[in-house]
N, C-alpha and C. Protein backbone atom coordinates (compact mmCIF):
# COMPACT_ATOMS: atom_id res chain seq x y z
N UNK A 1 -76.09 64.01 -41.79
CA UNK A 1 -75.94 64.02 -43.01
C UNK A 1 -75.60 63.04 -44.04
N UNK A 2 -75.25 61.91 -43.61
CA UNK A 2 -75.34 61.40 -44.17
C UNK A 2 -75.73 59.83 -44.50
N UNK A 3 -76.80 59.79 -44.10
CA UNK A 3 -77.98 59.26 -44.30
C UNK A 3 -79.29 59.48 -44.58
N UNK A 4 -80.00 58.17 -45.47
CA UNK A 4 -80.72 57.90 -46.27
C UNK A 4 -82.28 58.96 -45.61
N UNK A 5 -82.47 59.79 -45.95
CA UNK A 5 -84.53 60.50 -45.88
C UNK A 5 -84.95 59.65 -46.87
N UNK A 6 -85.60 59.15 -46.96
CA UNK A 6 -86.45 59.13 -47.63
C UNK A 6 -87.79 59.58 -48.13
N UNK A 7 -87.99 60.51 -47.01
CA UNK A 7 -89.49 61.01 -47.03
C UNK A 7 -88.66 62.37 -47.88
N UNK A 8 -87.79 62.43 -48.11
CA UNK A 8 -87.01 63.62 -49.32
C UNK A 8 -87.62 64.96 -48.53
N UNK A 9 -87.39 64.87 -47.35
CA UNK A 9 -87.78 66.45 -46.46
C UNK A 9 -86.41 66.38 -46.27
N UNK A 10 -86.23 68.13 -46.45
CA UNK A 10 -85.39 68.95 -46.06
C UNK A 10 -84.66 69.08 -44.75
N UNK A 11 -83.86 68.54 -43.96
CA UNK A 11 -83.89 68.38 -42.94
C UNK A 11 -82.80 69.35 -42.44
N UNK A 12 -82.08 70.18 -43.18
CA UNK A 12 -81.54 71.78 -42.73
C UNK A 12 -82.01 72.90 -42.94
N UNK A 13 -81.98 72.86 -41.48
CA UNK A 13 -81.81 74.57 -41.70
C UNK A 13 -81.55 75.66 -41.92
N UNK A 14 -80.94 75.85 -42.79
CA UNK A 14 -80.61 77.40 -42.67
C UNK A 14 -80.48 79.21 -42.03
N UNK A 15 -79.96 78.76 -40.65
CA UNK A 15 -79.49 80.63 -40.22
C UNK A 15 -78.88 81.10 -41.48
N UNK A 16 -78.90 82.04 -42.17
CA UNK A 16 -77.65 83.05 -42.64
C UNK A 16 -77.98 84.00 -42.21
N UNK A 17 -76.97 84.75 -41.73
CA UNK A 17 -76.07 85.74 -41.58
C UNK A 17 -76.20 86.78 -42.17
N UNK A 18 -77.09 87.48 -42.80
CA UNK A 18 -76.80 88.56 -44.10
C UNK A 18 -75.85 89.08 -43.90
N UNK A 19 -75.83 89.63 -43.15
CA UNK A 19 -75.00 90.52 -42.63
C UNK A 19 -72.99 90.36 -43.32
N UNK A 20 -73.34 89.70 -43.25
CA UNK A 20 -71.73 88.57 -43.10
C UNK A 20 -70.88 89.55 -44.16
N UNK A 21 -69.63 89.44 -43.63
CA UNK A 21 -68.65 90.08 -44.60
C UNK A 21 -67.85 89.09 -45.61
N UNK A 22 -66.42 90.00 -45.71
CA UNK A 22 -65.54 88.93 -46.85
C UNK A 22 -64.47 88.80 -45.44
N UNK A 23 -63.27 87.95 -46.20
CA UNK A 23 -62.02 87.49 -45.44
C UNK A 23 -61.31 88.31 -45.80
N UNK A 24 -60.14 88.49 -45.79
CA UNK A 24 -59.15 88.79 -46.05
C UNK A 24 -59.04 88.89 -47.81
N UNK A 25 -59.40 87.81 -48.28
CA UNK A 25 -59.07 87.49 -49.56
C UNK A 25 -60.48 88.31 -50.83
N UNK A 26 -60.97 89.06 -49.41
CA UNK A 26 -62.46 89.02 -50.94
C UNK A 26 -63.12 88.05 -51.14
N UNK A 27 -63.96 86.81 -50.31
CA UNK A 27 -64.38 85.85 -50.17
C UNK A 27 -65.52 86.02 -49.13
N UNK A 28 -66.88 85.81 -49.71
CA UNK A 28 -67.66 86.06 -49.04
C UNK A 28 -67.69 84.86 -48.19
N UNK A 29 -67.63 85.64 -46.49
CA UNK A 29 -67.78 85.23 -45.46
C UNK A 29 -69.63 84.57 -45.69
N UNK A 30 -70.61 85.33 -46.46
CA UNK A 30 -71.55 84.82 -46.39
C UNK A 30 -72.37 83.69 -46.49
N UNK A 31 -72.45 83.02 -45.13
CA UNK A 31 -73.54 81.39 -45.33
C UNK A 31 -74.12 81.80 -47.29
N UNK A 32 -75.25 82.44 -46.62
CA UNK A 32 -75.89 82.21 -47.96
C UNK A 32 -75.10 82.28 -49.13
N UNK A 33 -74.38 82.42 -49.03
CA UNK A 33 -72.89 82.90 -50.81
C UNK A 33 -72.62 81.13 -51.12
N UNK A 34 -72.18 80.56 -49.57
CA UNK A 34 -71.56 79.05 -50.30
C UNK A 34 -73.11 78.26 -50.43
N UNK A 35 -74.25 78.22 -50.11
CA UNK A 35 -75.38 77.93 -49.91
C UNK A 35 -76.16 78.08 -51.84
N UNK A 36 -75.75 79.11 -51.89
CA UNK A 36 -76.02 79.76 -53.58
C UNK A 36 -74.86 78.81 -54.04
N UNK A 37 -73.92 79.24 -53.98
CA UNK A 37 -73.00 77.94 -54.79
C UNK A 37 -73.65 76.62 -54.92
N UNK A 38 -73.32 76.52 -53.52
CA UNK A 38 -73.95 74.80 -53.64
C UNK A 38 -75.30 74.40 -54.42
N UNK A 39 -75.76 75.25 -54.87
CA UNK A 39 -77.63 74.71 -55.02
C UNK A 39 -76.79 75.39 -56.63
N UNK A 40 -76.39 76.37 -56.46
CA UNK A 40 -75.98 76.50 -58.97
C UNK A 40 -75.13 75.31 -59.21
N UNK A 41 -74.06 75.21 -58.27
CA UNK A 41 -72.86 72.94 -58.97
C UNK A 41 -74.17 71.55 -58.91
N UNK A 42 -75.55 71.81 -57.31
CA UNK A 42 -76.08 71.08 -57.88
C UNK A 42 -76.69 70.57 -58.93
N UNK A 43 -77.38 72.12 -59.20
CA UNK A 43 -78.52 72.10 -60.48
C UNK A 43 -77.05 72.18 -62.01
N UNK A 44 -76.31 72.38 -62.30
CA UNK A 44 -75.06 71.67 -63.52
C UNK A 44 -75.27 70.47 -63.45
N UNK A 45 -75.00 70.05 -61.70
CA UNK A 45 -74.42 68.30 -61.62
C UNK A 45 -75.81 67.62 -62.33
N UNK A 46 -76.68 68.02 -62.26
CA UNK A 46 -78.08 67.59 -62.59
C UNK A 46 -78.19 67.28 -64.20
N UNK A 47 -78.62 68.69 -64.65
CA UNK A 47 -78.48 69.00 -66.45
C UNK A 47 -77.51 68.15 -67.40
N UNK A 48 -76.30 67.41 -66.13
CA UNK A 48 -75.21 66.99 -67.13
C UNK A 48 -76.01 66.03 -67.21
N UNK A 49 -75.65 64.74 -65.88
CA UNK A 49 -76.21 63.50 -65.24
C UNK A 49 -77.30 62.98 -65.55
N UNK A 50 -78.40 63.94 -66.29
CA UNK A 50 -79.40 64.07 -67.29
C UNK A 50 -79.61 63.47 -68.54
N UNK A 51 -78.85 64.90 -68.60
CA UNK A 51 -77.92 64.81 -70.72
C UNK A 51 -77.45 63.76 -70.63
N UNK A 52 -76.01 63.21 -70.37
CA UNK A 52 -75.73 62.50 -70.24
C UNK A 52 -76.33 60.78 -70.52
N UNK A 53 -77.10 60.57 -69.16
CA UNK A 53 -78.47 59.91 -69.20
C UNK A 53 -78.63 59.44 -70.09
N UNK A 54 -79.41 59.83 -71.06
CA UNK A 54 -80.16 60.51 -72.38
C UNK A 54 -78.75 59.81 -73.35
N UNK A 55 -77.85 60.44 -73.79
CA UNK A 55 -77.28 59.81 -74.64
C UNK A 55 -76.56 58.36 -74.05
N UNK A 56 -76.26 58.51 -72.95
CA UNK A 56 -75.81 56.32 -72.43
C UNK A 56 -77.09 55.33 -72.38
N UNK A 57 -77.94 55.93 -72.11
CA UNK A 57 -78.95 55.63 -71.73
C UNK A 57 -78.30 54.30 -70.09
N UNK A 58 -79.38 53.94 -69.01
CA UNK A 58 -79.18 54.01 -67.92
C UNK A 58 -78.53 52.42 -67.83
N UNK A 59 -78.14 50.75 -68.87
CA UNK A 59 -77.89 49.57 -69.10
C UNK A 59 -76.01 50.24 -69.42
N UNK A 60 -75.21 51.47 -68.70
CA UNK A 60 -74.85 51.04 -69.76
C UNK A 60 -74.30 51.30 -68.07
N UNK A 61 -74.82 51.55 -66.97
CA UNK A 61 -74.60 51.22 -65.78
C UNK A 61 -75.49 49.76 -65.50
N UNK A 62 -76.36 49.48 -65.55
CA UNK A 62 -77.19 48.93 -64.93
C UNK A 62 -76.50 47.12 -65.26
N UNK A 63 -76.25 46.71 -66.73
CA UNK A 63 -75.20 45.62 -67.16
C UNK A 63 -73.81 46.10 -67.28
N UNK A 64 -72.79 46.45 -66.37
CA UNK A 64 -71.61 46.73 -66.56
C UNK A 64 -71.20 45.15 -66.12
N UNK A 65 -70.18 44.85 -66.84
CA UNK A 65 -69.07 44.29 -66.00
C UNK A 65 -69.56 44.10 -64.10
N UNK A 66 -70.21 42.69 -63.52
CA UNK A 66 -69.29 42.76 -62.24
C UNK A 66 -70.78 43.18 -62.28
N UNK A 67 -72.03 43.82 -62.72
CA UNK A 67 -72.87 44.43 -61.50
C UNK A 67 -72.68 46.08 -61.58
N UNK A 68 -73.17 46.44 -61.69
CA UNK A 68 -73.48 47.83 -61.37
C UNK A 68 -72.10 48.93 -60.24
N UNK A 69 -72.41 48.47 -59.45
CA UNK A 69 -71.61 48.54 -58.64
C UNK A 69 -69.93 48.61 -58.79
N UNK A 70 -70.34 47.80 -59.51
CA UNK A 70 -68.38 47.38 -59.90
C UNK A 70 -68.36 48.36 -61.07
N UNK A 71 -69.21 48.50 -62.01
CA UNK A 71 -69.21 49.43 -63.17
C UNK A 71 -68.50 50.81 -62.79
N UNK A 72 -69.36 51.09 -61.25
CA UNK A 72 -69.49 52.47 -60.85
C UNK A 72 -67.20 52.39 -61.19
N UNK A 73 -66.81 50.90 -60.06
CA UNK A 73 -65.78 51.74 -59.29
C UNK A 73 -64.70 51.67 -60.78
N UNK A 74 -64.63 50.68 -61.84
CA UNK A 74 -63.64 51.28 -62.55
C UNK A 74 -63.95 52.34 -63.63
N UNK A 75 -65.63 52.91 -63.98
CA UNK A 75 -65.75 54.76 -64.23
C UNK A 75 -64.98 55.29 -63.32
N UNK A 76 -64.54 55.62 -62.56
CA UNK A 76 -64.53 56.44 -60.54
C UNK A 76 -62.49 55.71 -61.02
N UNK A 77 -62.23 55.24 -60.86
CA UNK A 77 -60.35 54.77 -61.04
C UNK A 77 -60.39 55.27 -61.70
N UNK A 78 -60.78 55.59 -62.86
CA UNK A 78 -60.55 55.91 -64.60
C UNK A 78 -60.06 57.39 -64.26
N UNK A 79 -61.82 57.92 -64.20
CA UNK A 79 -61.58 59.56 -64.13
C UNK A 79 -60.53 60.07 -62.68
N UNK A 80 -60.27 59.34 -61.31
CA UNK A 80 -59.28 59.47 -60.68
C UNK A 80 -57.74 58.83 -60.78
N UNK A 81 -58.00 58.85 -61.40
CA UNK A 81 -56.27 58.31 -62.51
C UNK A 81 -56.30 59.64 -63.47
N UNK A 82 -56.86 59.54 -63.92
CA UNK A 82 -57.15 61.44 -64.96
C UNK A 82 -56.97 62.28 -63.89
N UNK A 83 -57.54 62.57 -62.98
CA UNK A 83 -57.33 63.78 -62.52
C UNK A 83 -55.81 63.39 -61.64
N UNK A 84 -55.32 63.03 -61.21
CA UNK A 84 -54.35 62.84 -60.71
C UNK A 84 -52.64 63.12 -61.75
N UNK A 85 -53.15 62.30 -63.50
CA UNK A 85 -52.32 62.35 -64.28
C UNK A 85 -53.13 64.12 -64.34
N UNK A 86 -53.75 64.86 -64.83
CA UNK A 86 -53.65 65.97 -65.00
C UNK A 86 -53.03 66.97 -63.87
N UNK A 87 -53.92 66.58 -62.47
CA UNK A 87 -53.03 67.42 -61.66
C UNK A 87 -51.50 67.40 -61.40
N UNK A 88 -50.87 65.53 -61.12
CA UNK A 88 -48.99 65.52 -61.27
C UNK A 88 -48.11 66.33 -62.60
N UNK A 89 -49.23 66.36 -63.58
CA UNK A 89 -48.61 66.70 -64.40
C UNK A 89 -48.45 68.37 -64.50
N UNK A 90 -49.48 68.30 -63.63
CA UNK A 90 -49.78 70.51 -64.02
C UNK A 90 -50.28 71.03 -64.93
N UNK A 91 -51.63 70.45 -66.01
CA UNK A 91 -51.82 69.91 -67.87
C UNK A 91 -52.66 70.88 -66.94
N UNK A 92 -52.47 71.80 -67.40
CA UNK A 92 -53.92 73.65 -67.52
C UNK A 92 -55.05 73.39 -68.13
N UNK A 93 -53.91 72.80 -69.40
CA UNK A 93 -55.46 72.45 -70.34
C UNK A 93 -55.49 71.99 -71.97
N UNK A 94 -55.94 70.31 -70.87
CA UNK A 94 -55.79 69.46 -71.65
C UNK A 94 -56.19 69.76 -73.04
N UNK A 95 -56.41 68.94 -74.34
CA UNK A 95 -56.75 68.47 -76.02
C UNK A 95 -58.46 67.44 -75.18
N UNK A 96 -58.63 66.97 -74.62
CA UNK A 96 -60.09 66.44 -74.02
C UNK A 96 -60.79 66.57 -73.46
N UNK A 97 -60.23 66.45 -71.56
CA UNK A 97 -61.21 66.19 -71.08
C UNK A 97 -60.81 67.28 -69.41
N UNK A 98 -61.18 68.07 -69.62
CA UNK A 98 -60.63 69.42 -68.20
C UNK A 98 -60.93 68.54 -66.79
N UNK A 99 -59.59 68.98 -66.53
CA UNK A 99 -60.12 68.59 -64.83
C UNK A 99 -61.63 68.47 -64.09
N UNK A 100 -62.08 69.62 -65.00
CA UNK A 100 -63.04 70.47 -64.53
C UNK A 100 -64.04 68.92 -64.87
N UNK A 101 -64.29 68.47 -65.67
CA UNK A 101 -65.34 67.46 -66.51
C UNK A 101 -65.08 66.58 -66.01
N UNK A 102 -63.84 65.96 -64.77
CA UNK A 102 -63.22 64.75 -64.50
C UNK A 102 -63.99 64.61 -63.43
N UNK A 103 -63.93 66.20 -62.98
CA UNK A 103 -64.19 65.78 -61.14
C UNK A 103 -66.17 66.55 -61.35
N UNK A 104 -66.42 66.28 -62.33
CA UNK A 104 -68.67 66.60 -62.30
C UNK A 104 -68.57 64.87 -62.74
N UNK A 105 -67.76 64.33 -63.95
CA UNK A 105 -67.62 62.91 -63.20
C UNK A 105 -67.59 62.11 -62.66
N UNK A 106 -67.13 62.62 -61.91
CA UNK A 106 -66.90 61.45 -59.95
C UNK A 106 -68.27 62.14 -59.39
N UNK A 107 -68.82 63.22 -59.33
CA UNK A 107 -70.06 63.10 -58.38
C UNK A 107 -70.99 62.11 -59.19
N UNK A 108 -70.98 63.32 -60.64
CA UNK A 108 -72.47 62.32 -61.34
C UNK A 108 -72.18 60.89 -60.98
N UNK A 109 -71.26 60.42 -60.76
CA UNK A 109 -70.93 59.11 -60.15
C UNK A 109 -71.56 58.77 -58.99
N UNK A 110 -70.76 59.22 -58.48
CA UNK A 110 -70.90 58.75 -56.89
C UNK A 110 -72.76 59.05 -56.60
N UNK A 111 -73.67 59.74 -57.59
CA UNK A 111 -75.08 60.36 -57.13
C UNK A 111 -75.34 58.88 -57.68
N UNK A 112 -75.40 58.06 -59.69
CA UNK A 112 -75.46 57.40 -59.74
C UNK A 112 -75.22 55.85 -58.76
N UNK A 113 -74.25 56.06 -58.17
CA UNK A 113 -73.45 54.95 -57.19
C UNK A 113 -75.27 54.60 -55.96
N UNK A 114 -75.31 56.21 -55.32
CA UNK A 114 -76.59 56.21 -54.36
C UNK A 114 -78.12 55.18 -55.16
N UNK A 115 -78.18 56.35 -56.11
CA UNK A 115 -79.25 55.58 -56.63
C UNK A 115 -79.72 54.35 -57.07
N UNK A 116 -78.58 53.42 -57.41
CA UNK A 116 -77.95 52.20 -57.28
C UNK A 116 -78.70 50.91 -56.18
N UNK A 117 -78.17 51.44 -54.80
CA UNK A 117 -78.08 51.40 -53.66
C UNK A 117 -79.37 51.58 -53.32
N UNK A 118 -79.95 52.47 -53.28
CA UNK A 118 -81.19 52.55 -52.81
C UNK A 118 -82.39 51.95 -53.52
N UNK A 119 -81.96 51.41 -55.60
CA UNK A 119 -82.65 50.55 -56.07
C UNK A 119 -84.01 51.77 -57.07
N UNK A 120 -82.97 52.42 -57.47
CA UNK A 120 -83.91 53.80 -57.90
C UNK A 120 -83.57 54.16 -59.09
N UNK A 121 -82.68 53.07 -59.90
CA UNK A 121 -81.82 54.12 -60.36
C UNK A 121 -82.57 52.41 -61.92
N UNK A 122 -83.10 53.56 -63.06
CA UNK A 122 -83.33 52.29 -64.15
C UNK A 122 -82.71 51.66 -65.01
N UNK A 123 -83.13 50.30 -64.79
CA UNK A 123 -82.06 49.08 -65.37
C UNK A 123 -83.03 49.06 -67.14
């Protein structure tokens, strides 16, 4: 799953049981629900990444001191520090950036990192 697939063909075939039930907490055991939730989350992250890239531009990453991967490391370190602070202090309603916002940014930094490694990040 972690290997790069330059042909961009779907490698995973989903065998979904349409009759799957719910667990003791009422959560769906249906794999198609999981697949849909993953797809919806990726779509949300995609839209956010594109919008932020329009605001910041690609040079905010590609011209980072120490190179783009180092710049991403610094940004990811900062996000992780924020996540740790929010979780450790039990802050459920921060003034500015929520835990969810920080997690979205971390995910998108990882995607940017993959684009950089694959020489697909615009300069």
